[in-house]
Amino acid sequence: MSFLSRFFRFLRSSFVGIMATVADFAVLEICVRLLHVEPSTAKIFSFLVGLSVQFFGNRTFAFHATGGSLRRQALLFCCVESVTLTLNWLLFRFLIRSLHLPIELANLIVTFVIYVGFSYPAWRLVFRVSKPHEQGPGGPGAPSGAA
């Protein structure tokens, strides 16, 4: 894959990330400001909404990986995102409790740091779709050199 192709894939994934962040941010604000949910708890709900946007957006739009196994991708994505959820929650909690950052700023910092440092590199593996092997002249399953 050329550098330009990888760069555009990163841009598409970043766009999906922006949409997921908007969804995450909206849910966080609604939970905290309107429903009076504790911010650390609200972050879990908002993360799960953003997670859904990330999975389907990256699978279809950013990585064009709809030819891959949905089950395999979903399983790997959930494994990666279980680590991501933990990292998000720990960093968010640290920023709001120890550094006393406003939840909005903490949320943006967490989203960017975890996306660039962990999620995007891991998703490149999650959404990898293997190309079918070219068939030899004997067709599928024929030994090499068979005609």
C-alpha atoms as a PDB file:
ATOM      1  CA  MET A   1       0.000   0.000   0.000  1.00  0.00           C
ATOM      2  CA  SER A   2       1.443   3.361  -0.985  1.00  0.00           C
ATOM      3  CA  PHE A   3       2.151   6.169   1.449  1.00  0.00           C
ATOM      4  CA  LEU A   4      -0.641   8.239  -0.111  1.00  0.00           C
ATOM      5  CA  SER A   5      -3.158   5.395   0.316  1.00  0.00           C
ATOM      6  CA  ARG A   6      -2.165   4.951   3.951  1.00  0.00           C
ATOM      7  CA  PHE A   7      -2.389   8.706   4.509  1.00  0.00           C
ATOM      8  CA  PHE A   8      -5.916   8.877   3.061  1.00  0.00           C
ATOM      9  CA  ARG A   9      -6.938   5.863   5.144  1.00  0.00           C
ATOM     10  CA  PHE A  10      -5.661   7.690   8.229  1.00  0.00           C
ATOM     11  CA  LEU A  11      -7.643  10.799   7.205  1.00  0.00           C
ATOM     12  CA  ARG A  12     -10.817   8.743   6.695  1.00  0.00           C
ATOM     13  CA  SER A  13     -10.319   7.068  10.061  1.00  0.00           C
ATOM     14  CA  SER A  14      -9.707  10.464  11.650  1.00  0.00           C
ATOM     15  CA  PHE A  15     -12.984  11.727  10.177  1.00  0.00           C
ATOM     16  CA  VAL A  16     -14.774   8.706  11.637  1.00  0.00           C
ATOM     17  CA  GLY A  17     -13.019   9.495  14.904  1.00  0.00           C
ATOM     18  CA  ILE A  18     -14.323  13.061  14.799  1.00  0.00           C
ATOM     19  CA  MET A  19     -17.866  11.767  14.295  1.00  0.00           C
ATOM     20  CA  ALA A  20     -17.404   9.282  17.134  1.00  0.00           C
ATOM     21  CA  THR A  21     -16.034  12.064  19.333  1.00  0.00           C
ATOM     22  CA  VAL A  22     -19.070  14.229  18.588  1.00  0.00           C
ATOM     23  CA  ALA A  23     -21.335  11.335  19.559  1.00  0.00           C
ATOM     24  CA  ASP A  24     -19.240  10.624  22.670  1.00  0.00           C
ATOM     25  CA  PHE A  25     -19.224  14.298  23.650  1.00  0.00           C
ATOM     26  CA  ALA A  26     -22.984  14.666  23.166  1.00  0.00           C
ATOM     27  CA  VAL A  27     -23.758  11.624  25.309  1.00  0.00           C
ATOM     28  CA  LEU A  28     -21.294  12.732  27.997  1.00  0.00           C
ATOM     29  CA  GLU A  29     -22.853  16.210  28.158  1.00  0.00           C
ATOM     30  CA  ILE A  30     -26.414  14.875  28.219  1.00  0.00           C
ATOM     31  CA  CYS A  31     -25.576  12.370  30.948  1.00  0.00           C
ATOM     32  CA  VAL A  32     -23.685  14.851  33.151  1.00  0.00           C
ATOM     33  CA  ARG A  33     -25.534  18.117  32.514  1.00  0.00           C
ATOM     34  CA  LEU A  34     -29.103  16.929  32.028  1.00  0.00           C
ATOM     35  CA  LEU A  35     -29.294  13.564  33.767  1.00  0.00           C
ATOM     36  CA  HIS A  36     -26.800  14.406  36.554  1.00  0.00           C
ATOM     37  CA  VAL A  37     -24.816  11.190  36.128  1.00  0.00           C
ATOM     38  CA  GLU A  38     -21.392  11.220  37.799  1.00  0.00           C
ATOM     39  CA  PRO A  39     -18.778  12.116  35.113  1.00  0.00           C
ATOM     40  CA  SER A  40     -16.659   8.950  35.444  1.00  0.00           C
ATOM     41  CA  THR A  41     -19.777   6.806  35.052  1.00  0.00           C
ATOM     42  CA  ALA A  42     -21.137   8.945  32.211  1.00  0.00           C
ATOM     43  CA  LYS A  43     -17.826   8.515  30.395  1.00  0.00           C
ATOM     44  CA  ILE A  44     -18.444   4.776  30.148  1.00  0.00           C
ATOM     45  CA  PHE A  45     -21.822   5.320  28.441  1.00  0.00           C
ATOM     46  CA  SER A  46     -20.448   7.962  26.095  1.00  0.00           C
ATOM     47  CA  PHE A  47     -17.494   5.739  25.255  1.00  0.00           C
ATOM     48  CA  LEU A  48     -19.792   2.890  24.228  1.00  0.00           C
ATOM     49  CA  VAL A  49     -21.730   5.161  21.860  1.00  0.00           C
ATOM     50  CA  GLY A  50     -18.496   6.433  20.325  1.00  0.00           C
ATOM     51  CA  LEU A  51     -17.301   2.841  20.103  1.00  0.00           C
ATOM     52  CA  SER A  52     -20.240   1.860  17.902  1.00  0.00           C
ATOM     53  CA  VAL A  53     -19.595   4.785  15.569  1.00  0.00           C
ATOM     54  CA  GLN A  54     -15.899   3.850  15.434  1.00  0.00           C
ATOM     55  CA  PHE A  55     -16.482   0.201  14.576  1.00  0.00           C
ATOM     56  CA  PHE A  56     -18.976   0.620  11.780  1.00  0.00           C
ATOM     57  CA  GLY A  57     -17.387   3.799  10.413  1.00  0.00           C
ATOM     58  CA  ASN A  58     -13.894   2.355  10.319  1.00  0.00           C
ATOM     59  CA  ARG A  59     -15.036  -0.992   8.962  1.00  0.00           C
ATOM     60  CA  THR A  60     -17.013   0.483   6.091  1.00  0.00           C
ATOM     61  CA  PHE A  61     -15.575   3.922   5.359  1.00  0.00           C
ATOM     62  CA  ALA A  62     -11.985   4.132   6.588  1.00  0.00           C
ATOM     63  CA  PHE A  63     -10.608   0.633   6.035  1.00  0.00           C
ATOM     64  CA  HIS A  64     -13.089  -0.646   3.415  1.00  0.00           C
ATOM     65  CA  ALA A  65     -13.019  -3.948   5.309  1.00  0.00           C
ATOM     66  CA  THR A  66     -16.563  -5.172   4.702  1.00  0.00           C
ATOM     67  CA  GLY A  67     -15.128  -8.134   2.790  1.00  0.00           C
ATOM     68  CA  GLY A  68     -13.565  -9.402   5.996  1.00  0.00           C
ATOM     69  CA  SER A  69     -15.300 -11.531   8.578  1.00  0.00           C
ATOM     70  CA  LEU A  70     -17.643  -9.347  10.632  1.00  0.00           C
ATOM     71  CA  ARG A  71     -17.407 -11.817  13.516  1.00  0.00           C
ATOM     72  CA  ARG A  72     -13.587 -11.818  13.525  1.00  0.00           C
ATOM     73  CA  GLN A  73     -13.404  -8.038  13.225  1.00  0.00           C
ATOM     74  CA  ALA A  74     -15.997  -7.497  15.953  1.00  0.00           C
ATOM     75  CA  LEU A  75     -14.191  -9.900  18.301  1.00  0.00           C
ATOM     76  CA  LEU A  76     -10.784  -8.304  17.713  1.00  0.00           C
ATOM     77  CA  PHE A  77     -12.274  -4.821  17.902  1.00  0.00           C
ATOM     78  CA  CYS A  78     -13.885  -5.660  21.260  1.00  0.00           C
ATOM     79  CA  CYS A  79     -10.560  -6.991  22.550  1.00  0.00           C
ATOM     80  CA  VAL A  80      -8.745  -3.831  21.465  1.00  0.00           C
ATOM     81  CA  GLU A  81     -11.521  -1.615  22.782  1.00  0.00           C
ATOM     82  CA  SER A  82     -11.583  -3.326  26.171  1.00  0.00           C
ATOM     83  CA  VAL A  83      -8.029  -2.064  26.572  1.00  0.00           C
ATOM     84  CA  THR A  84      -9.050   1.290  25.077  1.00  0.00           C
ATOM     85  CA  LEU A  85     -11.949   1.624  27.529  1.00  0.00           C
ATOM     86  CA  THR A  86      -9.608   1.008  30.443  1.00  0.00           C
ATOM     87  CA  LEU A  87      -7.045   3.506  29.136  1.00  0.00           C
ATOM     88  CA  ASN A  88      -9.760   6.092  28.421  1.00  0.00           C
ATOM     89  CA  TRP A  89     -11.349   5.732  31.816  1.00  0.00           C
ATOM     90  CA  LEU A  90      -8.066   5.838  33.748  1.00  0.00           C
ATOM     91  CA  LEU A  91      -6.714   8.852  31.886  1.00  0.00           C
ATOM     92  CA  PHE A  92     -10.054  10.689  32.030  1.00  0.00           C
ATOM     93  CA  ARG A  93     -10.366  10.026  35.765  1.00  0.00           C
ATOM     94  CA  PHE A  94      -6.788  11.222  36.336  1.00  0.00           C
ATOM     95  CA  LEU A  95      -7.306  14.420  34.347  1.00  0.00           C
ATOM     96  CA  ILE A  96     -10.543  15.400  36.088  1.00  0.00           C
ATOM     97  CA  ARG A  97      -9.617  14.297  39.608  1.00  0.00           C
ATOM     98  CA  SER A  98      -5.889  14.993  39.852  1.00  0.00           C
ATOM     99  CA  LEU A  99      -5.421  17.851  37.408  1.00  0.00           C
ATOM    100  CA  HIS A 100      -8.960  19.215  37.903  1.00  0.00           C
ATOM    101  CA  LEU A 101      -9.469  19.744  34.190  1.00  0.00           C
ATOM    102  CA  PRO A 102     -12.984  20.493  32.957  1.00  0.00           C
ATOM    103  CA  ILE A 103     -14.613  17.301  31.696  1.00  0.00           C
ATOM    104  CA  GLU A 104     -14.876  18.689  28.168  1.00  0.00           C
ATOM    105  CA  LEU A 105     -11.141  19.374  27.907  1.00  0.00           C
ATOM    106  CA  ALA A 106     -10.263  16.086  29.595  1.00  0.00           C
ATOM    107  CA  ASN A 107     -12.514  14.219  27.168  1.00  0.00           C
ATOM    108  CA  LEU A 108     -10.858  15.786  24.120  1.00  0.00           C
ATOM    109  CA  ILE A 109      -7.349  15.122  25.430  1.00  0.00           C
ATOM    110  CA  VAL A 110      -8.160  11.511  26.277  1.00  0.00           C
ATOM    111  CA  THR A 111      -9.792  10.887  22.916  1.00  0.00           C
ATOM    112  CA  PHE A 112      -6.830  12.246  20.952  1.00  0.00           C
ATOM    113  CA  VAL A 113      -4.072  10.608  23.001  1.00  0.00           C
ATOM    114  CA  ILE A 114      -5.652   7.153  23.051  1.00  0.00           C
ATOM    115  CA  TYR A 115      -6.684   7.295  19.373  1.00  0.00           C
ATOM    116  CA  VAL A 116      -3.262   8.229  18.037  1.00  0.00           C
ATOM    117  CA  GLY A 117      -1.227   6.227  20.532  1.00  0.00           C
ATOM    118  CA  PHE A 118      -3.212   3.023  20.703  1.00  0.00           C
ATOM    119  CA  SER A 119      -6.490   2.652  18.823  1.00  0.00           C
ATOM    120  CA  TYR A 120      -5.555   3.522  15.239  1.00  0.00           C
ATOM    121  CA  PRO A 121      -2.422   1.348  15.219  1.00  0.00           C
ATOM    122  CA  ALA A 122      -4.430  -1.572  16.630  1.00  0.00           C
ATOM    123  CA  TRP A 123      -7.330  -1.104  14.205  1.00  0.00           C
ATOM    124  CA  ARG A 124      -4.941  -1.479  11.295  1.00  0.00           C
ATOM    125  CA  LEU A 125      -4.650  -5.098  12.412  1.00  0.00           C
ATOM    126  CA  VAL A 126      -8.332  -5.539  13.281  1.00  0.00           C
ATOM    127  CA  PHE A 127      -9.583  -4.400   9.888  1.00  0.00           C
ATOM    128  CA  ARG A 128      -6.899  -6.079   7.799  1.00  0.00           C
ATOM    129  CA  VAL A 129      -8.575  -8.041   5.048  1.00  0.00           C
ATOM    130  CA  SER A 130      -6.407 -10.689   3.452  1.00  0.00           C
ATOM    131  CA  LYS A 131      -6.411 -10.683  -0.293  1.00  0.00           C
ATOM    132  CA  PRO A 132      -7.434 -13.955  -1.879  1.00  0.00           C
ATOM    133  CA  HIS A 133      -4.492 -15.895  -3.206  1.00  0.00           C
ATOM    134  CA  GLU A 134      -4.280 -15.902  -6.921  1.00  0.00           C
ATOM    135  CA  GLN A 135      -5.367 -19.209  -8.328  1.00  0.00           C
ATOM    136  CA  GLY A 136      -2.907 -21.191 -10.321  1.00  0.00           C
ATOM    137  CA  PRO A 137      -3.734 -22.540 -13.756  1.00  0.00           C
ATOM    138  CA  GLY A 138      -5.168 -25.719 -12.225  1.00  0.00           C
ATOM    139  CA  GLY A 139      -7.816 -23.828 -10.277  1.00  0.00           C
ATOM    140  CA  PRO A 140      -8.439 -23.773  -6.570  1.00  0.00           C
ATOM    141  CA  GLY A 141      -6.826 -26.579  -4.619  1.00  0.00           C
ATOM    142  CA  ALA A 142      -4.721 -27.783  -7.536  1.00  0.00           C
ATOM    143  CA  PRO A 143      -1.073 -28.481  -6.796  1.00  0.00           C
ATOM    144  CA  SER A 144       1.439 -25.959  -8.038  1.00  0.00           C
ATOM    145  CA  GLY A 145       2.333 -26.494 -11.639  1.00  0.00           C
ATOM    146  CA  ALA A 146      -0.814 -28.533 -12.365  1.00  0.00           C
ATOM    147  CA  ALA A 147      -2.528 -27.647 -15.591  1.00  0.00           C
END
